[in-house]
Each structure stands twice: as C-alpha cells, then as structure tokens.
PDB file of N, CA and C in Angstrom:
ATOM      1  N   VAL A   1     -28.660   9.831  27.672  1.00  0.00           N
ATOM      2  CA  VAL A   1     -27.712  10.751  27.035  1.00  0.00           C
ATOM      3  C   VAL A   1     -27.507  10.313  25.600  1.00  0.00           C
ATOM      4  N   ARG A   2     -27.723  11.225  24.700  1.00  0.00           N
ATOM      5  CA  ARG A   2     -27.582  10.913  23.277  1.00  0.00           C
ATOM      6  C   ARG A   2     -26.261  11.460  22.769  1.00  0.00           C
ATOM      7  N   GLN A   3     -25.502  10.588  22.148  1.00  0.00           N
ATOM      8  CA  GLN A   3     -24.199  11.007  21.636  1.00  0.00           C
ATOM      9  C   GLN A   3     -24.294  11.242  20.139  1.00  0.00           C
ATOM     10  N   CYS A   4     -23.688  12.322  19.721  1.00  0.00           N
ATOM     11  CA  CYS A   4     -23.647  12.611  18.299  1.00  0.00           C
ATOM     12  C   CYS A   4     -22.434  11.920  17.685  1.00  0.00           C
ATOM     13  N   PRO A   5     -22.549  11.484  16.451  1.00  0.00           N
ATOM     14  CA  PRO A   5     -21.373  10.902  15.790  1.00  0.00           C
ATOM     15  C   PRO A   5     -20.331  11.975  15.513  1.00  0.00           C
ATOM     16  N   ASP A   6     -19.167  11.518  15.106  1.00  0.00           N
ATOM     17  CA  ASP A   6     -18.095  12.460  14.794  1.00  0.00           C
ATOM     18  C   ASP A   6     -18.540  13.384  13.666  1.00  0.00           C
ATOM     19  N   SER A   7     -18.387  14.662  13.895  1.00  0.00           N
ATOM     20  CA  SER A   7     -18.820  15.641  12.908  1.00  0.00           C
ATOM     21  C   SER A   7     -17.811  15.716  11.773  1.00  0.00           C
ATOM     22  N   ARG A   8     -18.337  15.918  10.584  1.00  0.00           N
ATOM     23  CA  ARG A   8     -17.470  16.115   9.425  1.00  0.00           C
ATOM     24  C   ARG A   8     -17.609  17.554   8.945  1.00  0.00           C
ATOM     25  N   VAL A   9     -16.497  18.148   8.617  1.00  0.00           N
ATOM     26  CA  VAL A   9     -16.503  19.516   8.110  1.00  0.00           C
ATOM     27  C   VAL A   9     -15.996  19.471   6.674  1.00  0.00           C
ATOM     28  N   VAL A  10     -16.842  19.867   5.756  1.00  0.00           N
ATOM     29  CA  VAL A  10     -16.475  19.868   4.347  1.00  0.00           C
ATOM     30  C   VAL A  10     -16.314  21.309   3.905  1.00  0.00           C
ATOM     31  N   ILE A  11     -15.155  21.624   3.377  1.00  0.00           N
ATOM     32  CA  ILE A  11     -14.852  23.001   2.988  1.00  0.00           C
ATOM     33  C   ILE A  11     -14.863  23.090   1.462  1.00  0.00           C
ATOM     34  N   TYR A  12     -15.639  24.012   0.956  1.00  0.00           N
ATOM     35  CA  TYR A  12     -15.635  24.297  -0.470  1.00  0.00           C
ATOM     36  C   TYR A  12     -14.962  25.654  -0.666  1.00  0.00           C
ATOM     37  N   PRO A  13     -13.687  25.658  -1.030  1.00  0.00           N
ATOM     38  CA  PRO A  13     -13.004  26.944  -1.178  1.00  0.00           C
ATOM     39  C   PRO A  13     -13.568  27.729  -2.352  1.00  0.00           C
ATOM     40  N   PRO A  14     -13.651  29.030  -2.211  1.00  0.00           N
ATOM     41  CA  PRO A  14     -14.152  29.851  -3.307  1.00  0.00           C
ATOM     42  C   PRO A  14     -13.132  29.886  -4.436  1.00  0.00           C
ATOM     43  N   PRO A  15     -13.573  30.163  -5.642  1.00  0.00           N
ATOM     44  CA  PRO A  15     -12.622  30.262  -6.746  1.00  0.00           C
ATOM     45  C   PRO A  15     -11.653  31.417  -6.518  1.00  0.00           C
ATOM     46  N   VAL A  16     -10.382  31.109  -6.586  1.00  0.00           N
ATOM     47  CA  VAL A  16      -9.361  32.117  -6.323  1.00  0.00           C
ATOM     48  C   VAL A  16      -8.578  32.357  -7.602  1.00  0.00           C
ATOM     49  N   VAL A  17      -8.502  33.598  -7.985  1.00  0.00           N
ATOM     50  CA  VAL A  17      -7.721  33.959  -9.165  1.00  0.00           C
ATOM     51  C   VAL A  17      -6.518  34.755  -8.691  1.00  0.00           C
ATOM     52  N   VAL A  18      -5.350  34.185  -8.891  1.00  0.00           N
ATOM     53  CA  VAL A  18      -4.125  34.843  -8.445  1.00  0.00           C
ATOM     54  C   VAL A  18      -3.347  35.266  -9.677  1.00  0.00           C
ATOM     55  N   THR A  19      -3.063  36.547  -9.757  1.00  0.00           N
ATOM     56  CA  THR A  19      -2.301  37.058 -10.896  1.00  0.00           C
ATOM     57  C   THR A  19      -0.958  37.565 -10.404  1.00  0.00           C
ATOM     58  N   PHE A  20       0.102  37.072 -11.004  1.00  0.00           N
ATOM     59  CA  PHE A  20       1.444  37.523 -10.672  1.00  0.00           C
ATOM     60  C   PHE A  20       2.030  38.247 -11.876  1.00  0.00           C
ATOM     61  N   PRO A  21       2.868  39.230 -11.623  1.00  0.00           N
ATOM     62  CA  PRO A  21       3.608  39.840 -12.733  1.00  0.00           C
ATOM     63  C   PRO A  21       4.531  38.818 -13.383  1.00  0.00           C
ATOM     64  N   GLY A  22       4.942  39.100 -14.592  1.00  0.00           N
ATOM     65  CA  GLY A  22       5.761  38.161 -15.357  1.00  0.00           C
ATOM     66  C   GLY A  22       7.003  37.640 -14.647  1.00  0.00           C
ATOM     67  N   PRO A  23       7.877  38.495 -14.137  1.00  0.00           N
ATOM     68  CA  PRO A  23       9.130  38.002 -13.539  1.00  0.00           C
ATOM     69  C   PRO A  23       8.913  37.126 -12.313  1.00  0.00           C
ATOM     70  N   ILE A  24       7.824  37.348 -11.571  1.00  0.00           N
ATOM     71  CA  ILE A  24       7.621  36.590 -10.337  1.00  0.00           C
ATOM     72  C   ILE A  24       7.234  35.150 -10.645  1.00  0.00           C
ATOM     73  N   LEU A  25       6.641  34.905 -11.808  1.00  0.00           N
ATOM     74  CA  LEU A  25       6.248  33.541 -12.142  1.00  0.00           C
ATOM     75  C   LEU A  25       7.458  32.612 -12.196  1.00  0.00           C
ATOM     76  N   SER A  26       8.593  33.121 -12.580  1.00  0.00           N
ATOM     77  CA  SER A  26       9.775  32.268 -12.630  1.00  0.00           C
ATOM     78  C   SER A  26      10.307  31.996 -11.228  1.00  0.00           C
ATOM     79  N   THR A  27      10.040  32.902 -10.281  1.00  0.00           N
ATOM     80  CA  THR A  27      10.527  32.715  -8.920  1.00  0.00           C
ATOM     81  C   THR A  27       9.603  31.807  -8.128  1.00  0.00           C
ATOM     82  N   PHE A  28       8.287  31.957  -8.312  1.00  0.00           N
ATOM     83  CA  PHE A  28       7.325  31.134  -7.591  1.00  0.00           C
ATOM     84  C   PHE A  28       6.709  30.140  -8.563  1.00  0.00           C
ATOM     85  N   PRO A  29       7.100  28.873  -8.478  1.00  0.00           N
ATOM     86  CA  PRO A  29       6.526  27.873  -9.386  1.00  0.00           C
ATOM     87  C   PRO A  29       5.096  27.530  -9.003  1.00  0.00           C
ATOM     88  N   GLN A  30       4.609  26.408  -9.510  1.00  0.00           N
ATOM     89  CA  GLN A  30       3.201  26.055  -9.374  1.00  0.00           C
ATOM     90  C   GLN A  30       2.777  25.875  -7.923  1.00  0.00           C
ATOM     91  N   GLN A  31       3.701  25.582  -7.020  1.00  0.00           N
ATOM     92  CA  GLN A  31       3.325  25.353  -5.626  1.00  0.00           C
ATOM     93  C   GLN A  31       2.615  26.561  -5.030  1.00  0.00           C
ATOM     94  N   SER A  32       2.954  27.759  -5.467  1.00  0.00           N
ATOM     95  CA  SER A  32       2.344  28.944  -4.879  1.00  0.00           C
ATOM     96  C   SER A  32       0.853  29.011  -5.210  1.00  0.00           C
ATOM     97  N   VAL A  33       0.468  28.539  -6.388  1.00  0.00           N
ATOM     98  CA  VAL A  33      -0.940  28.569  -6.768  1.00  0.00           C
ATOM     99  C   VAL A  33      -1.694  27.443  -6.074  1.00  0.00           C
ATOM    100  N   VAL A  34      -1.073  26.268  -5.967  1.00  0.00           N
ATOM    101  CA  VAL A  34      -1.735  25.133  -5.325  1.00  0.00           C
ATOM    102  C   VAL A  34      -1.932  25.413  -3.842  1.00  0.00           C
ATOM    103  N   GLY A  35      -0.967  26.074  -3.214  1.00  0.00           N
ATOM    104  CA  GLY A  35      -1.076  26.347  -1.788  1.00  0.00           C
ATOM    105  C   GLY A  35      -2.213  27.302  -1.467  1.00  0.00           C
ATOM    106  N   SER A  36      -2.549  28.194  -2.382  1.00  0.00           N
ATOM    107  CA  SER A  36      -3.605  29.155  -2.098  1.00  0.00           C
ATOM    108  C   SER A  36      -4.983  28.516  -2.199  1.00  0.00           C
ATOM    109  N   ALA A  37      -5.100  27.426  -2.948  1.00  0.00           N
ATOM    110  CA  ALA A  37      -6.403  26.798  -3.127  1.00  0.00           C
ATOM    111  C   ALA A  37      -6.599  25.603  -2.213  1.00  0.00           C
ATOM    112  N   GLY A  38      -5.565  25.179  -1.501  1.00  0.00           N
ATOM    113  CA  GLY A  38      -5.680  24.005  -0.642  1.00  0.00           C
ATOM    114  C   GLY A  38      -6.455  24.316   0.623  1.00  0.00           C
ATOM    115  N   ALA A  39      -7.218  23.351   1.103  1.00  0.00           N
ATOM    116  CA  ALA A  39      -7.974  23.517   2.342  1.00  0.00           C
ATOM    117  C   ALA A  39      -7.242  22.814   3.479  1.00  0.00           C
ATOM    118  N   PRO A  40      -7.121  23.456   4.632  1.00  0.00           N
ATOM    119  CA  PRO A  40      -6.432  22.819   5.759  1.00  0.00           C
ATOM    120  C   PRO A  40      -7.229  21.646   6.302  1.00  0.00           C
ATOM    121  N   GLU A  41      -6.512  20.650   6.796  1.00  0.00           N
ATOM    122  CA  GLU A  41      -7.178  19.481   7.361  1.00  0.00           C
ATOM    123  C   GLU A  41      -7.719  19.829   8.743  1.00  0.00           C
ATOM    124  N   VAL A  42      -8.937  19.431   9.002  1.00  0.00           N
ATOM    125  CA  VAL A  42      -9.597  19.790  10.253  1.00  0.00           C
ATOM    126  C   VAL A  42      -9.728  18.552  11.118  1.00  0.00           C
ATOM    127  N   GLY A  43      -9.273  18.635  12.358  1.00  0.00           N
ATOM    128  CA  GLY A  43      -9.416  17.522  13.284  1.00  0.00           C
ATOM    129  C   GLY A  43     -10.672  17.711  14.109  1.00  0.00           C
ATOM    130  N   ALA A  44     -10.524  18.105  15.364  1.00  0.00           N
ATOM    131  CA  ALA A  44     -11.679  18.333  16.223  1.00  0.00           C
ATOM    132  C   ALA A  44     -12.015  19.821  16.231  1.00  0.00           C
ATOM    133  N   GLY A  45     -13.280  20.108  16.483  1.00  0.00           N
ATOM    134  CA  GLY A  45     -13.692  21.510  16.567  1.00  0.00           C
ATOM    135  C   GLY A  45     -14.345  21.974  15.286  1.00  0.00           C
ATOM    136  N   PHE A  46     -14.867  23.185  15.329  1.00  0.00           N
ATOM    137  CA  PHE A  46     -15.573  23.740  14.191  1.00  0.00           C
ATOM    138  C   PHE A  46     -14.903  25.027  13.738  1.00  0.00           C
ATOM    139  N   ASN A  47     -13.584  25.062  13.792  1.00  0.00           N
ATOM    140  CA  ASN A  47     -12.883  26.267  13.367  1.00  0.00           C
ATOM    141  C   ASN A  47     -13.112  26.532  11.881  1.00  0.00           C
ATOM    142  N   ALA A  48     -13.267  25.474  11.099  1.00  0.00           N
ATOM    143  CA  ALA A  48     -13.441  25.666   9.664  1.00  0.00           C
ATOM    144  C   ALA A  48     -14.796  26.266   9.327  1.00  0.00           C
ATOM    145  N   ALA A  49     -15.745  26.206  10.264  1.00  0.00           N
ATOM    146  CA  ALA A  49     -17.063  26.761   9.990  1.00  0.00           C
ATOM    147  C   ALA A  49     -16.999  28.278   9.855  1.00  0.00           C
ATOM    148  N   ARG A  50     -15.946  28.882  10.400  1.00  0.00           N
ATOM    149  CA  ARG A  50     -15.799  30.331  10.290  1.00  0.00           C
ATOM    150  C   ARG A  50     -15.066  30.734   9.013  1.00  0.00           C
ATOM    151  N   THR A  51     -14.668  29.757   8.220  1.00  0.00           N
ATOM    152  CA  THR A  51     -13.930  30.072   7.004  1.00  0.00           C
ATOM    153  C   THR A  51     -14.882  30.653   5.963  1.00  0.00           C
ATOM    154  N   PRO A  52     -14.585  31.810   5.410  1.00  0.00           N
ATOM    155  CA  PRO A  52     -15.465  32.363   4.380  1.00  0.00           C
ATOM    156  C   PRO A  52     -15.412  31.527   3.115  1.00  0.00           C
ATOM    157  N   GLY A  53     -16.502  31.510   2.399  1.00  0.00           N
ATOM    158  CA  GLY A  53     -16.533  30.782   1.149  1.00  0.00           C
ATOM    159  C   GLY A  53     -17.561  29.669   1.135  1.00  0.00           C
ATOM    160  N   GLY A  54     -18.523  29.679   2.032  1.00  0.00           N
ATOM    161  CA  GLY A  54     -19.593  28.695   1.985  1.00  0.00           C
ATOM    162  C   GLY A  54     -19.212  27.364   2.584  1.00  0.00           C
ATOM    163  N   SER A  55     -18.777  27.331   3.827  1.00  0.00           N
ATOM    164  CA  SER A  55     -18.445  26.072   4.477  1.00  0.00           C
ATOM    165  C   SER A  55     -19.722  25.390   4.966  1.00  0.00           C
ATOM    166  N   HIS A  56     -19.723  24.075   4.890  1.00  0.00           N
ATOM    167  CA  HIS A  56     -20.881  23.305   5.316  1.00  0.00           C
ATOM    168  C   HIS A  56     -20.457  22.350   6.420  1.00  0.00           C
ATOM    169  N   VAL A  57     -21.263  22.269   7.477  1.00  0.00           N
ATOM    170  CA  VAL A  57     -20.938  21.419   8.615  1.00  0.00           C
ATOM    171  C   VAL A  57     -21.983  20.320   8.706  1.00  0.00           C
ATOM    172  N   TYR A  58     -21.488  19.076   8.774  1.00  0.00           N
ATOM    173  CA  TYR A  58     -22.383  17.938   8.896  1.00  0.00           C
ATOM    174  C   TYR A  58     -22.109  17.223  10.206  1.00  0.00           C
ATOM    175  N   GLY A  59     -23.129  16.621  10.800  1.00  0.00           N
ATOM    176  CA  GLY A  59     -22.940  15.821  11.998  1.00  0.00           C
ATOM    177  C   GLY A  59     -23.659  16.430  13.182  1.00  0.00           C
ATOM    178  N   GLY A  60     -23.361  15.887  14.363  1.00  0.00           N
ATOM    179  CA  GLY A  60     -24.040  16.362  15.552  1.00  0.00           C
ATOM    180  C   GLY A  60     -23.306  17.489  16.186  1.00  0.00           C
TER     181      GLY A  60
END
C-alpha cells in the first residue's frame, strides 16, 4: 500500500477590482478590500480545487 504525503493546495486568487461609490468608502475602511482578496485556509480535502481563478493542487 502506497501512501501519498499530505496534499498542499495553493490558491492564486484572480485580480479583483472593487469600486465603491464615494460615500461608502468612509463607511467601509480598508478591511473590506483586504477581505475580498484573502484566500481561506484549507485543511483537509480538495474544496479549494473548485475555486475559480486557477487553483493548483499539489501532492498525492
């Protein structure tokens, strides 16, 4: 029986351009832009492989 090592999932998020109207920028600070570009941490499974934007899966 051959065991594969722990698989690593590397996510490359696509470039996201978020445009807000002027008044909303004062209500939503920088966290709103950072949250849209952040990639979720992946534990076990290959759920991230279904993420659009060119995800790459390494491992067994």
